C-alpha cells in the first residue's frame, strides 16, 4: 500500500475530469466502457461456471473461481498498463483519464436528476422507467413518493460505492486499486444476488464486495454530514444522529451509512420494506422524518450530494498539499 502525492493527485485529477467531462460519447461509441469489458468477462464466467446442470457445490466453488479470475484479470491488466504509463506527465494524464471512467460522480447526478425531472414534468410512468435504470427493486407499483425515495436511496448508496470507494482505492493503490475495486463491484451488481440463480454462485462476490466497501461507506457518511453543515436547510447533527442510530440496522453492512446520513440531514425517512425479485424484503427505516417525498425532495438530495462531492475533493486537495 502506497499513499503518495502521485496517487492522491491521480484521484483528485480523475474526480475533476469526470465532473467536467464525464465519459465522452465518442469514446464510448468507439471502444465501449471499461465496466462493459468487465461485464462481458463476468457474463462468460457466469455461463461457464453457473450452468443449471452443475451441482450446488460445483456452482458455489465456481463462484469463488469466477471472482478470483475477475480480480486477477482486472488487477493484472491495470498493473501492466500503469507500469507502462509510468509517472511522467503523459502517463499521469492517461491514468487519470482511465480512473475517471471508473468513477460515477457526474453520471450519478445526471441519472438521479432525470428521475426528478420526470416526476416534475413527465409523469409517474416515465419516472418509474427512469428510476428503474438505477435501482434493482420492482418499480412497477411505486407511487410518486416511492419513486422519489428510491432515487434518493440510490443516490446515497451509489455515492458510496460509485464515487467514494473508487476514489479511496485509487488513493491507496492507484489505477490497480480503482480497477480491481470496480471489477468486484460490477461483479456484485451482476451476480451478487440472493435469488435462486445466484445464491450460491454469487455468495463469494457479495461477501468480497461488502468487505471492500466498508471504508468508503463510513467515509461517505462523514462527507455527507460535513456537506450538511454547508447546505442550506440541511442538519449535520441530525445526519450524525441518524447514522449512529440507524446505519447498523440496515440489511446491508454498508448502504445504511450514506442512506441514514442523507435521511437525517434532510429530515427524510428512507429504506424500509421493499420488493426485490418479486419478494418483499424487510428492512429497517433510515431516519425518522417525512416519507411522502416528491421531485423537490430529490432536488434537495442532489444539492447535498454535490456538496458532499466538493467536500471529498477539498479533503484530497488539502492532504495533497500536506504530503507534496
C-alpha atoms as a PDB file:
ATOM      1  CA  UNK A   1       0.000   0.000   0.000  1.00  0.00           C
ATOM      2  CA  UNK A   2       1.450   3.365  -1.051  1.00  0.00           C
ATOM      3  CA  UNK A   3      -0.339   6.595  -0.134  1.00  0.00           C
ATOM      4  CA  UNK A   4       1.676   9.135  -2.062  1.00  0.00           C
ATOM      5  CA  UNK A   5       1.352  12.533  -3.657  1.00  0.00           C
ATOM      6  CA  UNK A   6       1.124  10.717  -7.002  1.00  0.00           C
ATOM      7  CA  UNK A   7      -1.895   8.579  -6.096  1.00  0.00           C
ATOM      8  CA  UNK A   8      -3.575  11.487  -4.302  1.00  0.00           C
ATOM      9  CA  UNK A   9      -3.087  13.653  -7.385  1.00  0.00           C
ATOM     10  CA  UNK A  10      -4.404  10.837  -9.579  1.00  0.00           C
ATOM     11  CA  UNK A  11      -7.579  10.572  -7.517  1.00  0.00           C
ATOM     12  CA  UNK A  12      -8.076  14.334  -7.484  1.00  0.00           C
ATOM     13  CA  UNK A  13      -7.477  14.676 -11.225  1.00  0.00           C
ATOM     14  CA  UNK A  14      -9.800  11.771 -12.006  1.00  0.00           C
ATOM     15  CA  UNK A  15     -12.613  13.304  -9.948  1.00  0.00           C
ATOM     16  CA  UNK A  16     -12.233  16.651 -11.704  1.00  0.00           C
ATOM     17  CA  UNK A  17     -12.063  15.078 -15.172  1.00  0.00           C
ATOM     18  CA  UNK A  18     -15.210  13.049 -14.517  1.00  0.00           C
ATOM     19  CA  UNK A  19     -17.033  16.044 -13.038  1.00  0.00           C
ATOM     20  CA  UNK A  20     -16.335  18.289 -16.026  1.00  0.00           C
ATOM     21  CA  UNK A  21     -16.293  15.839 -18.933  1.00  0.00           C
ATOM     22  CA  UNK A  22     -17.881  12.563 -17.785  1.00  0.00           C
ATOM     23  CA  UNK A  23     -17.252   9.686 -20.249  1.00  0.00           C
ATOM     24  CA  UNK A  24     -17.178  11.088 -23.814  1.00  0.00           C
ATOM     25  CA  UNK A  25     -19.908   9.557 -26.035  1.00  0.00           C
ATOM     26  CA  UNK A  26     -17.482   9.309 -28.970  1.00  0.00           C
ATOM     27  CA  UNK A  27     -15.075   7.254 -26.873  1.00  0.00           C
ATOM     28  CA  UNK A  28     -17.935   5.014 -25.757  1.00  0.00           C
ATOM     29  CA  UNK A  29     -19.046   4.515 -29.362  1.00  0.00           C
ATOM     30  CA  UNK A  30     -15.508   3.642 -30.421  1.00  0.00           C
ATOM     31  CA  UNK A  31     -14.306   1.325 -27.656  1.00  0.00           C
ATOM     32  CA  UNK A  32     -17.162   0.864 -25.185  1.00  0.00           C
ATOM     33  CA  UNK A  33     -16.641   1.358 -21.459  1.00  0.00           C
ATOM     34  CA  UNK A  34     -14.294  -0.425 -19.008  1.00  0.00           C
ATOM     35  CA  UNK A  35     -17.287  -1.545 -16.940  1.00  0.00           C
ATOM     36  CA  UNK A  36     -18.715  -3.110 -20.086  1.00  0.00           C
ATOM     37  CA  UNK A  37     -15.477  -5.012 -20.654  1.00  0.00           C
ATOM     38  CA  UNK A  38     -15.577  -6.307 -17.094  1.00  0.00           C
ATOM     39  CA  UNK A  39     -19.237  -7.207 -17.500  1.00  0.00           C
ATOM     40  CA  UNK A  40     -18.513  -9.220 -20.634  1.00  0.00           C
ATOM     41  CA  UNK A  41     -15.948 -11.310 -18.744  1.00  0.00           C
ATOM     42  CA  UNK A  42     -18.376 -11.870 -15.869  1.00  0.00           C
ATOM     43  CA  UNK A  43     -21.111 -12.969 -18.277  1.00  0.00           C
ATOM     44  CA  UNK A  44     -18.760 -15.525 -19.809  1.00  0.00           C
ATOM     45  CA  UNK A  45     -17.786 -16.896 -16.409  1.00  0.00           C
ATOM     46  CA  UNK A  46     -21.438 -16.986 -15.364  1.00  0.00           C
ATOM     47  CA  UNK A  47     -22.300 -19.077 -18.393  1.00  0.00           C
ATOM     48  CA  UNK A  48     -19.395 -21.466 -17.884  1.00  0.00           C
ATOM     49  CA  UNK A  49     -19.373 -21.886 -14.113  1.00  0.00           C
ATOM     50  CA  UNK A  50     -23.009 -21.354 -13.106  1.00  0.00           C
ATOM     51  CA  UNK A  51     -24.830 -23.623 -15.528  1.00  0.00           C
ATOM     52  CA  UNK A  52     -28.018 -25.158 -14.126  1.00  0.00           C
ATOM     53  CA  UNK A  53     -26.734 -28.654 -14.887  1.00  0.00           C
ATOM     54  CA  UNK A  54     -23.917 -28.245 -12.351  1.00  0.00           C
ATOM     55  CA  UNK A  55     -24.270 -29.370  -8.743  1.00  0.00           C
ATOM     56  CA  UNK A  56     -24.794 -26.866  -5.948  1.00  0.00           C
ATOM     57  CA  UNK A  57     -21.290 -27.410  -4.583  1.00  0.00           C
ATOM     58  CA  UNK A  58     -19.750 -27.001  -8.029  1.00  0.00           C
ATOM     59  CA  UNK A  59     -21.617 -23.730  -8.591  1.00  0.00           C
ATOM     60  CA  UNK A  60     -20.511 -22.430  -5.190  1.00  0.00           C
ATOM     61  CA  UNK A  61     -16.889 -23.296  -5.979  1.00  0.00           C
ATOM     62  CA  UNK A  62     -17.341 -21.854  -9.451  1.00  0.00           C
ATOM     63  CA  UNK A  63     -18.439 -18.570  -7.911  1.00  0.00           C
ATOM     64  CA  UNK A  64     -15.226 -18.377  -5.897  1.00  0.00           C
ATOM     65  CA  UNK A  65     -13.210 -19.134  -9.020  1.00  0.00           C
ATOM     66  CA  UNK A  66     -15.151 -16.558 -11.034  1.00  0.00           C
ATOM     67  CA  UNK A  67     -14.499 -13.630  -8.715  1.00  0.00           C
ATOM     68  CA  UNK A  68     -10.860 -14.715  -8.327  1.00  0.00           C
ATOM     69  CA  UNK A  69     -10.447 -14.640 -12.113  1.00  0.00           C
ATOM     70  CA  UNK A  70     -12.129 -11.237 -12.341  1.00  0.00           C
ATOM     71  CA  UNK A  71      -9.843  -9.794  -9.655  1.00  0.00           C
ATOM     72  CA  UNK A  72      -6.685 -11.263 -11.209  1.00  0.00           C
ATOM     73  CA  UNK A  73      -7.576 -10.057 -14.709  1.00  0.00           C
ATOM     74  CA  UNK A  74      -8.589  -6.548 -13.619  1.00  0.00           C
ATOM     75  CA  UNK A  75      -5.648  -6.183 -11.261  1.00  0.00           C
ATOM     76  CA  UNK A  76      -3.151  -7.700 -13.675  1.00  0.00           C
ATOM     77  CA  UNK A  77      -4.154  -5.705 -16.737  1.00  0.00           C
ATOM     78  CA  UNK A  78      -4.321  -2.439 -14.791  1.00  0.00           C
ATOM     79  CA  UNK A  79      -0.935  -3.129 -13.180  1.00  0.00           C
ATOM     80  CA  UNK A  80       0.701  -3.722 -16.564  1.00  0.00           C
ATOM     81  CA  UNK A  81      -0.854  -0.578 -18.009  1.00  0.00           C
ATOM     82  CA  UNK A  82       0.148   1.538 -15.003  1.00  0.00           C
ATOM     83  CA  UNK A  83       3.692   0.175 -15.221  1.00  0.00           C
ATOM     84  CA  UNK A  84       3.812   1.004 -18.932  1.00  0.00           C
ATOM     85  CA  UNK A  85       2.375   4.501 -18.429  1.00  0.00           C
ATOM     86  CA  UNK A  86       4.933   5.388 -15.782  1.00  0.00           C
ATOM     87  CA  UNK A  87       4.963   8.565 -13.685  1.00  0.00           C
ATOM     88  CA  UNK A  88       5.541  11.202 -16.365  1.00  0.00           C
ATOM     89  CA  UNK A  89       3.058  13.896 -17.352  1.00  0.00           C
ATOM     90  CA  UNK A  90       1.593  11.930 -20.266  1.00  0.00           C
ATOM     91  CA  UNK A  91       1.379   8.756 -18.211  1.00  0.00           C
ATOM     92  CA  UNK A  92      -0.290  10.642 -15.372  1.00  0.00           C
ATOM     93  CA  UNK A  93      -2.857  12.109 -17.765  1.00  0.00           C
ATOM     94  CA  UNK A  94      -3.627   8.694 -19.259  1.00  0.00           C
ATOM     95  CA  UNK A  95      -4.032   7.096 -15.842  1.00  0.00           C
ATOM     96  CA  UNK A  96      -6.238   9.921 -14.573  1.00  0.00           C
ATOM     97  CA  UNK A  97      -8.491   9.667 -17.629  1.00  0.00           C
ATOM     98  CA  UNK A  98      -8.889   5.909 -17.215  1.00  0.00           C
ATOM     99  CA  UNK A  99      -9.588   6.192 -13.490  1.00  0.00           C
ATOM    100  CA  UNK A 100     -12.167   8.896 -14.214  1.00  0.00           C
ATOM    101  CA  UNK A 101     -14.111   6.324 -16.233  1.00  0.00           C
ATOM    102  CA  UNK A 102     -14.347   4.170 -13.093  1.00  0.00           C
ATOM    103  CA  UNK A 103     -15.954   6.972 -11.057  1.00  0.00           C
ATOM    104  CA  UNK A 104     -19.680   7.722 -11.384  1.00  0.00           C
ATOM    105  CA  UNK A 105     -19.786  11.201  -9.875  1.00  0.00           C
ATOM    106  CA  UNK A 106     -21.403  13.232 -12.674  1.00  0.00           C
ATOM    107  CA  UNK A 107     -23.236  10.326 -14.264  1.00  0.00           C
ATOM    108  CA  UNK A 108     -24.917   9.512 -10.941  1.00  0.00           C
ATOM    109  CA  UNK A 109     -26.096  13.110 -10.617  1.00  0.00           C
ATOM    110  CA  UNK A 110     -27.448  13.052 -14.171  1.00  0.00           C
ATOM    111  CA  UNK A 111     -29.371   9.794 -13.688  1.00  0.00           C
ATOM    112  CA  UNK A 112     -30.998  10.896 -10.443  1.00  0.00           C
ATOM    113  CA  UNK A 113     -31.730  14.342 -11.864  1.00  0.00           C
ATOM    114  CA  UNK A 114     -33.511  12.608 -14.760  1.00  0.00           C
ATOM    115  CA  UNK A 115     -35.833  10.988 -12.216  1.00  0.00           C
ATOM    116  CA  UNK A 116     -36.533  14.334 -10.544  1.00  0.00           C
ATOM    117  CA  UNK A 117     -37.288  15.963 -13.904  1.00  0.00           C
ATOM    118  CA  UNK A 118     -39.583  13.099 -14.869  1.00  0.00           C
ATOM    119  CA  UNK A 119     -41.508  13.407 -11.608  1.00  0.00           C
ATOM    120  CA  UNK A 120     -41.841  17.142 -12.144  1.00  0.00           C
ATOM    121  CA  UNK A 121     -42.595  17.291 -15.873  1.00  0.00           C
ATOM    122  CA  UNK A 122     -43.226  13.911 -17.492  1.00  0.00           C
ATOM    123  CA  UNK A 123     -45.425  11.946 -15.126  1.00  0.00           C
ATOM    124  CA  UNK A 124     -45.207   8.862 -12.946  1.00  0.00           C
ATOM    125  CA  UNK A 125     -44.835   6.170 -15.678  1.00  0.00           C
ATOM    126  CA  UNK A 126     -41.775   7.913 -17.121  1.00  0.00           C
ATOM    127  CA  UNK A 127     -40.368   8.496 -13.636  1.00  0.00           C
ATOM    128  CA  UNK A 128     -40.743   4.783 -12.863  1.00  0.00           C
ATOM    129  CA  UNK A 129     -38.888   3.956 -16.065  1.00  0.00           C
ATOM    130  CA  UNK A 130     -36.077   6.362 -15.192  1.00  0.00           C
ATOM    131  CA  UNK A 131     -35.671   5.146 -11.614  1.00  0.00           C
ATOM    132  CA  UNK A 132     -35.803   1.533 -12.803  1.00  0.00           C
ATOM    133  CA  UNK A 133     -32.477   2.140 -14.546  1.00  0.00           C
ATOM    134  CA  UNK A 134     -30.669   2.877 -11.285  1.00  0.00           C
ATOM    135  CA  UNK A 135     -32.316   0.548  -8.742  1.00  0.00           C
ATOM    136  CA  UNK A 136     -32.651  -3.219  -8.526  1.00  0.00           C
ATOM    137  CA  UNK A 137     -36.096  -3.321  -6.934  1.00  0.00           C
ATOM    138  CA  UNK A 138     -39.532  -3.730  -8.519  1.00  0.00           C
ATOM    139  CA  UNK A 139     -40.690  -0.230  -9.524  1.00  0.00           C
ATOM    140  CA  UNK A 140     -43.963  -1.090 -11.272  1.00  0.00           C
ATOM    141  CA  UNK A 141     -46.130  -0.309  -8.239  1.00  0.00           C
ATOM    142  CA  UNK A 142     -44.212   2.661  -6.860  1.00  0.00           C
ATOM    143  CA  UNK A 143     -46.145   5.878  -6.332  1.00  0.00           C
ATOM    144  CA  UNK A 144     -44.576   9.340  -6.592  1.00  0.00           C
ATOM    145  CA  UNK A 145     -43.175   9.180  -3.067  1.00  0.00           C
ATOM    146  CA  UNK A 146     -41.842   5.670  -3.661  1.00  0.00           C
ATOM    147  CA  UNK A 147     -40.029   6.758  -6.821  1.00  0.00           C
ATOM    148  CA  UNK A 148     -38.552   9.771  -5.026  1.00  0.00           C
ATOM    149  CA  UNK A 149     -37.345   7.641  -2.108  1.00  0.00           C
ATOM    150  CA  UNK A 150     -35.865   5.029  -4.445  1.00  0.00           C
ATOM    151  CA  UNK A 151     -33.950   7.722  -6.333  1.00  0.00           C
ATOM    152  CA  UNK A 152     -32.572   9.249  -3.131  1.00  0.00           C
ATOM    153  CA  UNK A 153     -31.613   5.842  -1.721  1.00  0.00           C
ATOM    154  CA  UNK A 154     -29.803   5.030  -4.965  1.00  0.00           C
ATOM    155  CA  UNK A 155     -28.061   8.399  -4.832  1.00  0.00           C
ATOM    156  CA  UNK A 156     -26.856   7.690  -1.295  1.00  0.00           C
ATOM    157  CA  UNK A 157     -25.684   4.133  -1.913  1.00  0.00           C
ATOM    158  CA  UNK A 158     -24.004   4.948  -5.217  1.00  0.00           C
ATOM    159  CA  UNK A 159     -22.248   7.951  -3.719  1.00  0.00           C
ATOM    160  CA  UNK A 160     -20.519   5.415  -1.504  1.00  0.00           C
ATOM    161  CA  UNK A 161     -19.750   2.643  -3.972  1.00  0.00           C
ATOM    162  CA  UNK A 162     -19.646   4.651  -7.202  1.00  0.00           C
ATOM    163  CA  UNK A 163     -17.758   7.754  -6.061  1.00  0.00           C
ATOM    164  CA  UNK A 164     -16.112   7.442  -2.653  1.00  0.00           C
ATOM    165  CA  UNK A 165     -14.986   3.812  -2.936  1.00  0.00           C
ATOM    166  CA  UNK A 166     -13.113   4.054  -6.268  1.00  0.00           C
ATOM    167  CA  UNK A 167     -11.535   7.275  -5.009  1.00  0.00           C
ATOM    168  CA  UNK A 168     -10.463   5.585  -1.773  1.00  0.00           C
ATOM    169  CA  UNK A 169      -8.873   2.631  -3.571  1.00  0.00           C
ATOM    170  CA  UNK A 170      -7.182   4.962  -6.055  1.00  0.00           C
ATOM    171  CA  UNK A 171      -5.543   6.838  -3.186  1.00  0.00           C
ATOM    172  CA  UNK A 172      -4.238   3.540  -1.808  1.00  0.00           C
ATOM    173  CA  UNK A 173      -3.213   1.692  -4.972  1.00  0.00           C
ATOM    174  CA  UNK A 174      -3.633   3.975  -7.986  1.00  0.00           C
ATOM    175  CA  UNK A 175      -5.179   2.504 -11.132  1.00  0.00           C
ATOM    176  CA  UNK A 176      -4.796  -1.044  -9.802  1.00  0.00           C
ATOM    177  CA  UNK A 177      -6.909  -0.213  -6.758  1.00  0.00           C
ATOM    178  CA  UNK A 178      -9.606   1.556  -8.753  1.00  0.00           C
ATOM    179  CA  UNK A 179      -9.837  -1.120 -11.452  1.00  0.00           C
ATOM    180  CA  UNK A 180      -9.835  -4.051  -9.042  1.00  0.00           C
ATOM    181  CA  UNK A 181     -12.463  -2.417  -6.862  1.00  0.00           C
ATOM    182  CA  UNK A 182     -14.654  -1.602  -9.862  1.00  0.00           C
ATOM    183  CA  UNK A 183     -14.381  -5.181 -11.094  1.00  0.00           C
ATOM    184  CA  UNK A 184     -15.562  -6.519  -7.729  1.00  0.00           C
ATOM    185  CA  UNK A 185     -18.394  -4.003  -7.514  1.00  0.00           C
ATOM    186  CA  UNK A 186     -19.520  -4.717 -11.076  1.00  0.00           C
ATOM    187  CA  UNK A 187     -19.489  -8.440 -10.372  1.00  0.00           C
ATOM    188  CA  UNK A 188     -21.607  -7.882  -7.279  1.00  0.00           C
ATOM    189  CA  UNK A 189     -24.178  -5.910  -9.257  1.00  0.00           C
ATOM    190  CA  UNK A 190     -24.416  -8.749 -11.777  1.00  0.00           C
ATOM    191  CA  UNK A 191     -24.132 -11.946  -9.744  1.00  0.00           C
ATOM    192  CA  UNK A 192     -24.154 -10.940  -6.069  1.00  0.00           C
ATOM    193  CA  UNK A 193     -27.880 -11.570  -5.667  1.00  0.00           C
ATOM    194  CA  UNK A 194     -29.711 -13.818  -3.221  1.00  0.00           C
ATOM    195  CA  UNK A 195     -32.133 -15.292  -5.754  1.00  0.00           C
ATOM    196  CA  UNK A 196     -32.187 -18.929  -6.816  1.00  0.00           C
ATOM    197  CA  UNK A 197     -29.721 -18.496  -9.676  1.00  0.00           C
ATOM    198  CA  UNK A 198     -27.025 -16.629  -7.741  1.00  0.00           C
ATOM    199  CA  UNK A 199     -27.476 -17.521  -4.067  1.00  0.00           C
ATOM    200  CA  UNK A 200     -24.557 -19.964  -4.280  1.00  0.00           C
ATOM    201  CA  UNK A 201     -22.608 -18.712  -7.280  1.00  0.00           C
ATOM    202  CA  UNK A 202     -22.606 -15.082  -6.161  1.00  0.00           C
ATOM    203  CA  UNK A 203     -22.024 -15.622  -2.443  1.00  0.00           C
ATOM    204  CA  UNK A 204     -18.252 -15.062  -2.501  1.00  0.00           C
ATOM    205  CA  UNK A 205     -18.637 -11.999  -4.710  1.00  0.00           C
ATOM    206  CA  UNK A 206     -21.249 -10.427  -2.430  1.00  0.00           C
ATOM    207  CA  UNK A 207     -19.074 -11.021   0.637  1.00  0.00           C
ATOM    208  CA  UNK A 208     -15.983  -9.555  -1.021  1.00  0.00           C
ATOM    209  CA  UNK A 209     -17.956  -6.524  -2.192  1.00  0.00           C
ATOM    210  CA  UNK A 210     -19.176  -5.930   1.359  1.00  0.00           C
ATOM    211  CA  UNK A 211     -15.591  -6.025   2.604  1.00  0.00           C
ATOM    212  CA  UNK A 212     -14.084  -3.656   0.027  1.00  0.00           C
ATOM    213  CA  UNK A 213     -16.932  -1.161   0.539  1.00  0.00           C
ATOM    214  CA  UNK A 214     -16.612  -0.966   4.329  1.00  0.00           C
ATOM    215  CA  UNK A 215     -14.198   2.007   4.440  1.00  0.00           C
ATOM    216  CA  UNK A 216     -15.986   4.058   1.780  1.00  0.00           C
ATOM    217  CA  UNK A 217     -19.432   3.624   3.293  1.00  0.00           C
ATOM    218  CA  UNK A 218     -18.227   5.154   6.552  1.00  0.00           C
ATOM    219  CA  UNK A 219     -16.355   7.906   4.729  1.00  0.00           C
ATOM    220  CA  UNK A 220     -19.400   8.720   2.613  1.00  0.00           C
ATOM    221  CA  UNK A 221     -21.468   9.299   5.752  1.00  0.00           C
ATOM    222  CA  UNK A 222     -18.782  11.673   7.038  1.00  0.00           C
ATOM    223  CA  UNK A 223     -18.679  13.620   3.759  1.00  0.00           C
ATOM    224  CA  UNK A 224     -22.491  13.905   3.768  1.00  0.00           C
ATOM    225  CA  UNK A 225     -22.563  15.129   7.364  1.00  0.00           C
ATOM    226  CA  UNK A 226     -19.898  17.751   6.621  1.00  0.00           C
ATOM    227  CA  UNK A 227     -21.771  18.760   3.466  1.00  0.00           C
ATOM    228  CA  UNK A 228     -24.935  19.161   5.527  1.00  0.00           C
ATOM    229  CA  UNK A 229     -23.155  21.787   7.606  1.00  0.00           C
ATOM    230  CA  UNK A 230     -22.700  23.958   4.490  1.00  0.00           C
ATOM    231  CA  UNK A 231     -26.015  23.191   2.771  1.00  0.00           C
ATOM    232  CA  UNK A 232     -28.996  25.473   3.483  1.00  0.00           C
ATOM    233  CA  UNK A 233     -31.848  23.563   5.088  1.00  0.00           C
ATOM    234  CA  UNK A 234     -29.715  20.537   5.992  1.00  0.00           C
ATOM    235  CA  UNK A 235     -28.757  19.494   9.520  1.00  0.00           C
ATOM    236  CA  UNK A 236     -25.371  17.914  10.144  1.00  0.00           C
ATOM    237  CA  UNK A 237     -26.186  16.965  13.727  1.00  0.00           C
ATOM    238  CA  UNK A 238     -29.318  15.124  12.619  1.00  0.00           C
ATOM    239  CA  UNK A 239     -27.216  13.360   9.971  1.00  0.00           C
ATOM    240  CA  UNK A 240     -24.764  12.234  12.642  1.00  0.00           C
ATOM    241  CA  UNK A 241     -27.554  11.096  14.957  1.00  0.00           C
ATOM    242  CA  UNK A 242     -29.296   9.119  12.201  1.00  0.00           C
ATOM    243  CA  UNK A 243     -26.071   7.350  11.261  1.00  0.00           C
ATOM    244  CA  UNK A 244     -25.290   6.392  14.846  1.00  0.00           C
ATOM    245  CA  UNK A 245     -28.857   5.241  15.464  1.00  0.00           C
ATOM    246  CA  UNK A 246     -29.877   3.587  12.178  1.00  0.00           C
ATOM    247  CA  UNK A 247     -26.911   2.675   9.942  1.00  0.00           C
ATOM    248  CA  UNK A 248     -26.150  -0.688  11.567  1.00  0.00           C
ATOM    249  CA  UNK A 249     -29.824  -1.697  11.424  1.00  0.00           C
ATOM    250  CA  UNK A 250     -29.808  -1.745   7.607  1.00  0.00           C
ATOM    251  CA  UNK A 251     -29.778  -5.185   5.985  1.00  0.00           C
ATOM    252  CA  UNK A 252     -26.615  -4.140   4.138  1.00  0.00           C
ATOM    253  CA  UNK A 253     -23.459  -3.588   6.212  1.00  0.00           C
ATOM    254  CA  UNK A 254     -22.656  -0.573   4.032  1.00  0.00           C
ATOM    255  CA  UNK A 255     -25.700   1.021   2.395  1.00  0.00           C
ATOM    256  CA  UNK A 256     -27.185   2.164   5.689  1.00  0.00           C
ATOM    257  CA  UNK A 257     -24.370   4.629   6.357  1.00  0.00           C
ATOM    258  CA  UNK A 258     -24.897   7.062   3.461  1.00  0.00           C
ATOM    259  CA  UNK A 259     -28.670   6.447   3.436  1.00  0.00           C
ATOM    260  CA  UNK A 260     -29.000   7.279   7.127  1.00  0.00           C
ATOM    261  CA  UNK A 261     -26.756  10.325   6.681  1.00  0.00           C
ATOM    262  CA  UNK A 262     -28.876  11.767   3.868  1.00  0.00           C
ATOM    263  CA  UNK A 263     -32.123  10.878   5.626  1.00  0.00           C
ATOM    264  CA  UNK A 264     -31.044  12.568   8.837  1.00  0.00           C
ATOM    265  CA  UNK A 265     -29.539  15.603   7.140  1.00  0.00           C
ATOM    266  CA  UNK A 266     -32.681  16.349   5.126  1.00  0.00           C
ATOM    267  CA  UNK A 267     -35.359  15.111   7.525  1.00  0.00           C
ATOM    268  CA  UNK A 268     -36.448  12.128   5.418  1.00  0.00           C
ATOM    269  CA  UNK A 269     -37.358   8.532   6.208  1.00  0.00           C
ATOM    270  CA  UNK A 270     -35.757   6.128   3.734  1.00  0.00           C
ATOM    271  CA  UNK A 271     -35.369   2.368   3.176  1.00  0.00           C
ATOM    272  CA  UNK A 272     -37.862   0.113   4.975  1.00  0.00           C
ATOM    273  CA  UNK A 273     -39.651  -2.861   3.318  1.00  0.00           C
ATOM    274  CA  UNK A 274     -39.110  -3.123  -0.473  1.00  0.00           C
ATOM    275  CA  UNK A 275     -39.777  -5.513  -3.350  1.00  0.00           C
ATOM    276  CA  UNK A 276     -36.756  -7.325  -4.838  1.00  0.00           C
ATOM    277  CA  UNK A 277     -37.010 -10.126  -7.400  1.00  0.00           C
ATOM    278  CA  UNK A 278     -40.736 -10.439  -6.734  1.00  0.00           C
ATOM    279  CA  UNK A 279     -40.359 -10.876  -2.970  1.00  0.00           C
ATOM    280  CA  UNK A 280     -40.883  -8.449  -0.102  1.00  0.00           C
ATOM    281  CA  UNK A 281     -37.599  -7.718   1.662  1.00  0.00           C
ATOM    282  CA  UNK A 282     -37.943  -6.429   5.201  1.00  0.00           C
ATOM    283  CA  UNK A 283     -35.529  -3.695   6.178  1.00  0.00           C
ATOM    284  CA  UNK A 284     -35.177  -1.051   8.855  1.00  0.00           C
ATOM    285  CA  UNK A 285     -36.033   2.565   8.187  1.00  0.00           C
ATOM    286  CA  UNK A 286     -33.237   5.106   7.910  1.00  0.00           C
ATOM    287  CA  UNK A 287     -34.189   8.391   9.540  1.00  0.00           C
ATOM    288  CA  UNK A 288     -37.385   9.417  11.293  1.00  0.00           C
ATOM    289  CA  UNK A 289     -38.613  12.252   9.088  1.00  0.00           C
ATOM    290  CA  UNK A 290     -41.022  12.520   6.158  1.00  0.00           C
ATOM    291  CA  UNK A 291     -41.568   9.576   3.825  1.00  0.00           C
ATOM    292  CA  UNK A 292     -44.009  11.324   1.455  1.00  0.00           C
ATOM    293  CA  UNK A 293     -41.374  12.808  -0.826  1.00  0.00           C
ATOM    294  CA  UNK A 294     -41.550  14.429  -4.259  1.00  0.00           C
ATOM    295  CA  UNK A 295     -39.321  15.821  -7.010  1.00  0.00           C
ATOM    296  CA  UNK A 296     -38.316  18.826  -4.895  1.00  0.00           C
ATOM    297  CA  UNK A 297     -37.005  16.495  -2.202  1.00  0.00           C
ATOM    298  CA  UNK A 298     -34.911  14.660  -4.800  1.00  0.00           C
ATOM    299  CA  UNK A 299     -33.505  18.025  -5.888  1.00  0.00           C
ATOM    300  CA  UNK A 300     -32.582  18.817  -2.269  1.00  0.00           C
ATOM    301  CA  UNK A 301     -30.780  15.478  -2.014  1.00  0.00           C
ATOM    302  CA  UNK A 302     -28.898  16.264  -5.228  1.00  0.00           C
ATOM    303  CA  UNK A 303     -27.791  19.608  -3.795  1.00  0.00           C
ATOM    304  CA  UNK A 304     -26.458  17.850  -0.704  1.00  0.00           C
ATOM    305  CA  UNK A 305     -24.774  15.230  -2.896  1.00  0.00           C
ATOM    306  CA  UNK A 306     -22.955  17.901  -4.899  1.00  0.00           C
ATOM    307  CA  UNK A 307     -21.698  19.495  -1.701  1.00  0.00           C
ATOM    308  CA  UNK A 308     -20.514  16.080  -0.455  1.00  0.00           C
ATOM    309  CA  UNK A 309     -18.568  15.588  -3.692  1.00  0.00           C
ATOM    310  CA  UNK A 310     -16.971  19.007  -3.207  1.00  0.00           C
ATOM    311  CA  UNK A 311     -16.074  18.095   0.379  1.00  0.00           C
ATOM    312  CA  UNK A 312     -14.270  14.974  -0.844  1.00  0.00           C
ATOM    313  CA  UNK A 313     -12.349  16.934  -3.488  1.00  0.00           C
ATOM    314  CA  UNK A 314     -11.407  19.609  -0.955  1.00  0.00           C
ATOM    315  CA  UNK A 315     -10.172  16.996   1.508  1.00  0.00           C
ATOM    316  CA  UNK A 316      -7.976  15.344  -1.126  1.00  0.00           C
ATOM    317  CA  UNK A 317      -6.585  18.719  -2.164  1.00  0.00           C
ATOM    318  CA  UNK A 318      -5.650  19.602   1.414  1.00  0.00           C
ATOM    319  CA  UNK A 319      -3.995  16.224   2.027  1.00  0.00           C
ATOM    320  CA  UNK A 320      -2.127  16.505  -1.277  1.00  0.00           C
ATOM    321  CA  UNK A 321      -0.744  19.902  -0.264  1.00  0.00           C
ATOM    322  CA  UNK A 322       0.357  18.487   3.084  1.00  0.00           C
ATOM    323  CA  UNK A 323       2.214  15.493   1.600  1.00  0.00           C
ATOM    324  CA  UNK A 324       3.614  17.170  -1.532  1.00  0.00           C
END
